[in-house]
Amino acid sequence: MIFRGRFEHTIDPKGRVNVPAPFRERLQETGQESFFITNYSGCLYVFAAEDWARIEERAALVPTTDRRMNTFVRFFVGGAVEAVPDKQGRILIPPSLRNYAGLEKEVVIQGMPNRFEVWSLARWQEELGRFEAEVKDDPEFAKEISALGI
């Protein structure tokens, strides 16, 4: 499921944040009722339930002897919670995930090809600044972008 767009919202003291209407509509179009939220890369990744089920299926195939991947699965899958939007279109983000992502008040909800991400506004601005500094004059990165047809 593809989520497009970037939205700024606030998270309330109880940890609820509005899911952008286009994202809720995408979920409803597929007949799904919930999202799965997990921690990764300094923000939260939010997947539609069907996409999350595929991730869990693949994670179940990780050999128990692969210590590094098992640690990742513990972190990524073990940190996940299911969230059903309420009547106002909000999802509840538990304290452990809010703490991980540094979510306090202002958040950015960023659409991605197979998920959306929830960032603290401050971390999002840092991430954009870091990205712009890294790729400003990088001809190799320009080639990678060109390969996407952009």
C-alpha atoms as a PDB file:
ATOM      1  CA  MET A   1       0.000   0.000   0.000  1.00  0.00           C
ATOM      2  CA  ILE A   2       1.430   3.365  -1.034  1.00  0.00           C
ATOM      3  CA  PHE A   3       1.113   6.421   1.191  1.00  0.00           C
ATOM      4  CA  ARG A   4       1.857   9.804  -0.373  1.00  0.00           C
ATOM      5  CA  GLY A   5       2.374  13.208   1.173  1.00  0.00           C
ATOM      6  CA  ARG A   6       3.810  14.916   4.218  1.00  0.00           C
ATOM      7  CA  PHE A   7       1.659  16.272   7.003  1.00  0.00           C
ATOM      8  CA  GLU A   8       2.375  18.164  10.204  1.00  0.00           C
ATOM      9  CA  HIS A   9       0.224  17.326  13.219  1.00  0.00           C
ATOM     10  CA  THR A  10       0.355  17.494  16.969  1.00  0.00           C
ATOM     11  CA  ILE A  11       0.323  14.567  19.328  1.00  0.00           C
ATOM     12  CA  ASP A  12      -1.933  15.031  22.336  1.00  0.00           C
ATOM     13  CA  PRO A  13      -0.866  14.377  25.962  1.00  0.00           C
ATOM     14  CA  LYS A  14      -2.437  10.901  25.822  1.00  0.00           C
ATOM     15  CA  GLY A  15      -0.278   9.983  22.821  1.00  0.00           C
ATOM     16  CA  ARG A  16      -2.940  10.205  20.131  1.00  0.00           C
ATOM     17  CA  VAL A  17      -2.196  11.601  16.700  1.00  0.00           C
ATOM     18  CA  ASN A  18      -4.437  12.093  13.696  1.00  0.00           C
ATOM     19  CA  VAL A  19      -3.736   9.837  10.760  1.00  0.00           C
ATOM     20  CA  PRO A  20      -3.967  12.016   7.638  1.00  0.00           C
ATOM     21  CA  ALA A  21      -7.298  11.530   5.872  1.00  0.00           C
ATOM     22  CA  PRO A  22      -5.691  10.267   2.624  1.00  0.00           C
ATOM     23  CA  PHE A  23      -3.898   7.548   4.604  1.00  0.00           C
ATOM     24  CA  ARG A  24      -7.094   6.483   6.396  1.00  0.00           C
ATOM     25  CA  GLU A  25      -8.898   6.425   3.052  1.00  0.00           C
ATOM     26  CA  ARG A  26      -6.209   4.142   1.571  1.00  0.00           C
ATOM     27  CA  LEU A  27      -6.706   1.760   4.492  1.00  0.00           C
ATOM     28  CA  GLN A  28     -10.494   1.780   4.105  1.00  0.00           C
ATOM     29  CA  GLU A  29     -10.248   1.204   0.339  1.00  0.00           C
ATOM     30  CA  THR A  30      -8.564  -2.121   1.033  1.00  0.00           C
ATOM     31  CA  GLY A  31     -11.065  -3.141   3.717  1.00  0.00           C
ATOM     32  CA  GLN A  32      -8.458  -3.069   6.471  1.00  0.00           C
ATOM     33  CA  GLU A  33      -9.137  -1.615   9.892  1.00  0.00           C
ATOM     34  CA  SER A  34      -5.767  -1.286  11.573  1.00  0.00           C
ATOM     35  CA  PHE A  35      -2.154  -0.237  11.353  1.00  0.00           C
ATOM     36  CA  PHE A  36       0.937  -1.679  13.011  1.00  0.00           C
ATOM     37  CA  ILE A  37       3.408   0.793  14.507  1.00  0.00           C
ATOM     38  CA  THR A  38       7.032  -0.062  15.255  1.00  0.00           C
ATOM     39  CA  ASN A  39      10.348   1.606  15.990  1.00  0.00           C
ATOM     40  CA  TYR A  40      13.166   2.043  13.503  1.00  0.00           C
ATOM     41  CA  SER A  41      15.753   4.584  12.370  1.00  0.00           C
ATOM     42  CA  GLY A  42      14.867   7.235  14.970  1.00  0.00           C
ATOM     43  CA  CYS A  43      11.215   7.423  13.968  1.00  0.00           C
ATOM     44  CA  LEU A  44       8.144   5.184  13.861  1.00  0.00           C
ATOM     45  CA  TYR A  45       7.200   3.042  10.883  1.00  0.00           C
ATOM     46  CA  VAL A  46       3.469   2.511  10.395  1.00  0.00           C
ATOM     47  CA  PHE A  47       2.265  -0.320   8.157  1.00  0.00           C
ATOM     48  CA  ALA A  48      -1.197  -1.378   7.033  1.00  0.00           C
ATOM     49  CA  ALA A  49      -2.147  -4.683   8.685  1.00  0.00           C
ATOM     50  CA  GLU A  50      -1.795  -6.778   5.501  1.00  0.00           C
ATOM     51  CA  ASP A  51       1.669  -5.380   4.784  1.00  0.00           C
ATOM     52  CA  TRP A  52       2.677  -6.016   8.391  1.00  0.00           C
ATOM     53  CA  ALA A  53       1.505  -9.638   8.151  1.00  0.00           C
ATOM     54  CA  ARG A  54       3.876 -10.166   5.205  1.00  0.00           C
ATOM     55  CA  ILE A  55       6.751  -8.657   7.195  1.00  0.00           C
ATOM     56  CA  GLU A  56       6.060 -11.009  10.115  1.00  0.00           C
ATOM     57  CA  GLU A  57       5.930 -14.000   7.758  1.00  0.00           C
ATOM     58  CA  ARG A  58       9.367 -13.124   6.399  1.00  0.00           C
ATOM     59  CA  ALA A  59      10.722 -12.405   9.886  1.00  0.00           C
ATOM     60  CA  ALA A  60       9.587 -15.870  10.996  1.00  0.00           C
ATOM     61  CA  LEU A  61      11.995 -17.344   8.403  1.00  0.00           C
ATOM     62  CA  VAL A  62      15.077 -15.784  10.008  1.00  0.00           C
ATOM     63  CA  PRO A  63      17.285 -18.651  11.206  1.00  0.00           C
ATOM     64  CA  THR A  64      17.547 -18.800  14.978  1.00  0.00           C
ATOM     65  CA  THR A  65      21.302 -19.141  14.518  1.00  0.00           C
ATOM     66  CA  ASP A  66      21.573 -15.680  12.947  1.00  0.00           C
ATOM     67  CA  ARG A  67      22.154 -13.657  16.099  1.00  0.00           C
ATOM     68  CA  ARG A  68      22.299 -10.254  14.382  1.00  0.00           C
ATOM     69  CA  MET A  69      19.062 -10.716  12.450  1.00  0.00           C
ATOM     70  CA  ASN A  70      17.313 -12.184  15.493  1.00  0.00           C
ATOM     71  CA  THR A  71      18.255  -9.099  17.470  1.00  0.00           C
ATOM     72  CA  PHE A  72      16.800  -6.934  14.710  1.00  0.00           C
ATOM     73  CA  VAL A  73      13.580  -8.983  14.663  1.00  0.00           C
ATOM     74  CA  ARG A  74      13.287  -8.649  18.445  1.00  0.00           C
ATOM     75  CA  PHE A  75      13.649  -4.897  18.134  1.00  0.00           C
ATOM     76  CA  PHE A  76      11.461  -4.378  15.059  1.00  0.00           C
ATOM     77  CA  VAL A  77       8.715  -6.973  15.524  1.00  0.00           C
ATOM     78  CA  GLY A  78       8.887  -7.022  19.313  1.00  0.00           C
ATOM     79  CA  GLY A  79       8.374  -3.271  19.437  1.00  0.00           C
ATOM     80  CA  ALA A  80       5.265  -3.351  17.262  1.00  0.00           C
ATOM     81  CA  VAL A  81       1.735  -2.548  18.402  1.00  0.00           C
ATOM     82  CA  GLU A  82      -1.547  -2.650  16.544  1.00  0.00           C
ATOM     83  CA  ALA A  83      -3.472   0.624  16.281  1.00  0.00           C
ATOM     84  CA  VAL A  84      -7.067   1.051  15.156  1.00  0.00           C
ATOM     85  CA  PRO A  85      -8.061   4.623  14.282  1.00  0.00           C
ATOM     86  CA  ASP A  86     -10.809   5.986  16.547  1.00  0.00           C
ATOM     87  CA  LYS A  87     -13.870   7.854  15.262  1.00  0.00           C
ATOM     88  CA  GLN A  88     -11.813  11.047  14.951  1.00  0.00           C
ATOM     89  CA  GLY A  89      -9.146   9.231  12.891  1.00  0.00           C
ATOM     90  CA  ARG A  90      -6.544   9.172  15.660  1.00  0.00           C
ATOM     91  CA  ILE A  91      -4.234   6.340  16.618  1.00  0.00           C
ATOM     92  CA  LEU A  92      -2.730   5.854  20.055  1.00  0.00           C
ATOM     93  CA  ILE A  93       1.044   5.656  20.188  1.00  0.00           C
ATOM     94  CA  PRO A  94       2.219   3.973  23.398  1.00  0.00           C
ATOM     95  CA  PRO A  95       4.769   5.715  25.652  1.00  0.00           C
ATOM     96  CA  SER A  96       7.621   3.340  24.740  1.00  0.00           C
ATOM     97  CA  LEU A  97       7.307   4.194  21.041  1.00  0.00           C
ATOM     98  CA  ARG A  98       6.820   7.909  21.720  1.00  0.00           C
ATOM     99  CA  ASN A  99       9.994   7.885  23.823  1.00  0.00           C
ATOM    100  CA  TYR A 100      11.977   6.021  21.169  1.00  0.00           C
ATOM    101  CA  ALA A 101      11.006   8.516  18.440  1.00  0.00           C
ATOM    102  CA  GLY A 102      11.204  11.590  20.690  1.00  0.00           C
ATOM    103  CA  LEU A 103       7.561  12.469  20.048  1.00  0.00           C
ATOM    104  CA  GLU A 104       6.387  15.252  22.306  1.00  0.00           C
ATOM    105  CA  LYS A 105       4.048  17.678  20.553  1.00  0.00           C
ATOM    106  CA  GLU A 106       4.785  18.539  16.925  1.00  0.00           C
ATOM    107  CA  VAL A 107       5.138  15.592  14.563  1.00  0.00           C
ATOM    108  CA  VAL A 108       5.627  15.046  10.852  1.00  0.00           C
ATOM    109  CA  ILE A 109       3.819  12.192   9.146  1.00  0.00           C
ATOM    110  CA  GLN A 110       5.699  11.240   6.007  1.00  0.00           C
ATOM    111  CA  GLY A 111       4.272   8.975   3.308  1.00  0.00           C
ATOM    112  CA  MET A 112       6.482   6.235   1.879  1.00  0.00           C
ATOM    113  CA  PRO A 113       5.979   3.518  -0.752  1.00  0.00           C
ATOM    114  CA  ASN A 114       4.963   0.754   1.688  1.00  0.00           C
ATOM    115  CA  ARG A 115       4.343   2.598   4.959  1.00  0.00           C
ATOM    116  CA  PHE A 116       4.225   5.990   6.550  1.00  0.00           C
ATOM    117  CA  GLU A 117       6.599   7.341   9.144  1.00  0.00           C
ATOM    118  CA  VAL A 118       5.990   9.445  12.240  1.00  0.00           C
ATOM    119  CA  TRP A 119       8.839  11.795  13.155  1.00  0.00           C
ATOM    120  CA  SER A 120       9.264  14.428  15.800  1.00  0.00           C
ATOM    121  CA  LEU A 121       9.384  17.728  13.924  1.00  0.00           C
ATOM    122  CA  ALA A 122      12.863  18.473  15.321  1.00  0.00           C
ATOM    123  CA  ARG A 123      14.272  15.083  14.243  1.00  0.00           C
ATOM    124  CA  TRP A 124      12.644  15.432  10.816  1.00  0.00           C
ATOM    125  CA  GLN A 125      14.310  18.800  10.292  1.00  0.00           C
ATOM    126  CA  GLU A 126      17.662  17.325  11.390  1.00  0.00           C
ATOM    127  CA  GLU A 127      17.198  14.392   8.994  1.00  0.00           C
ATOM    128  CA  LEU A 128      16.459  16.699   6.056  1.00  0.00           C
ATOM    129  CA  GLY A 129      19.461  18.883   6.877  1.00  0.00           C
ATOM    130  CA  ARG A 130      21.727  15.833   7.118  1.00  0.00           C
ATOM    131  CA  PHE A 131      20.422  14.490   3.804  1.00  0.00           C
ATOM    132  CA  GLU A 132      20.879  17.790   1.991  1.00  0.00           C
ATOM    133  CA  ALA A 133      24.435  18.151   3.312  1.00  0.00           C
ATOM    134  CA  GLU A 134      25.357  14.585   2.316  1.00  0.00           C
ATOM    135  CA  VAL A 135      24.052  14.696  -1.234  1.00  0.00           C
ATOM    136  CA  LYS A 136      24.548  18.339  -2.170  1.00  0.00           C
ATOM    137  CA  ASP A 137      27.401  17.771  -4.607  1.00  0.00           C
ATOM    138  CA  ASP A 138      27.417  13.969  -4.856  1.00  0.00           C
ATOM    139  CA  PRO A 139      27.449  12.910  -8.536  1.00  0.00           C
ATOM    140  CA  GLU A 140      27.016   9.231  -7.607  1.00  0.00           C
ATOM    141  CA  PHE A 141      23.804   9.988  -5.759  1.00  0.00           C
ATOM    142  CA  ALA A 142      22.597  12.034  -8.710  1.00  0.00           C
ATOM    143  CA  LYS A 143      23.078   8.907 -10.857  1.00  0.00           C
ATOM    144  CA  GLU A 144      21.086   6.803  -8.386  1.00  0.00           C
ATOM    145  CA  ILE A 145      18.214   9.307  -8.500  1.00  0.00           C
ATOM    146  CA  SER A 146      18.400   9.390 -12.288  1.00  0.00           C
ATOM    147  CA  ALA A 147      18.095   5.608 -12.365  1.00  0.00           C
ATOM    148  CA  LEU A 148      14.678   6.017 -10.688  1.00  0.00           C
ATOM    149  CA  GLY A 149      13.559   8.096 -13.640  1.00  0.00           C
ATOM    150  CA  ILE A 150      13.549  11.344 -11.688  1.00  0.00           C
END
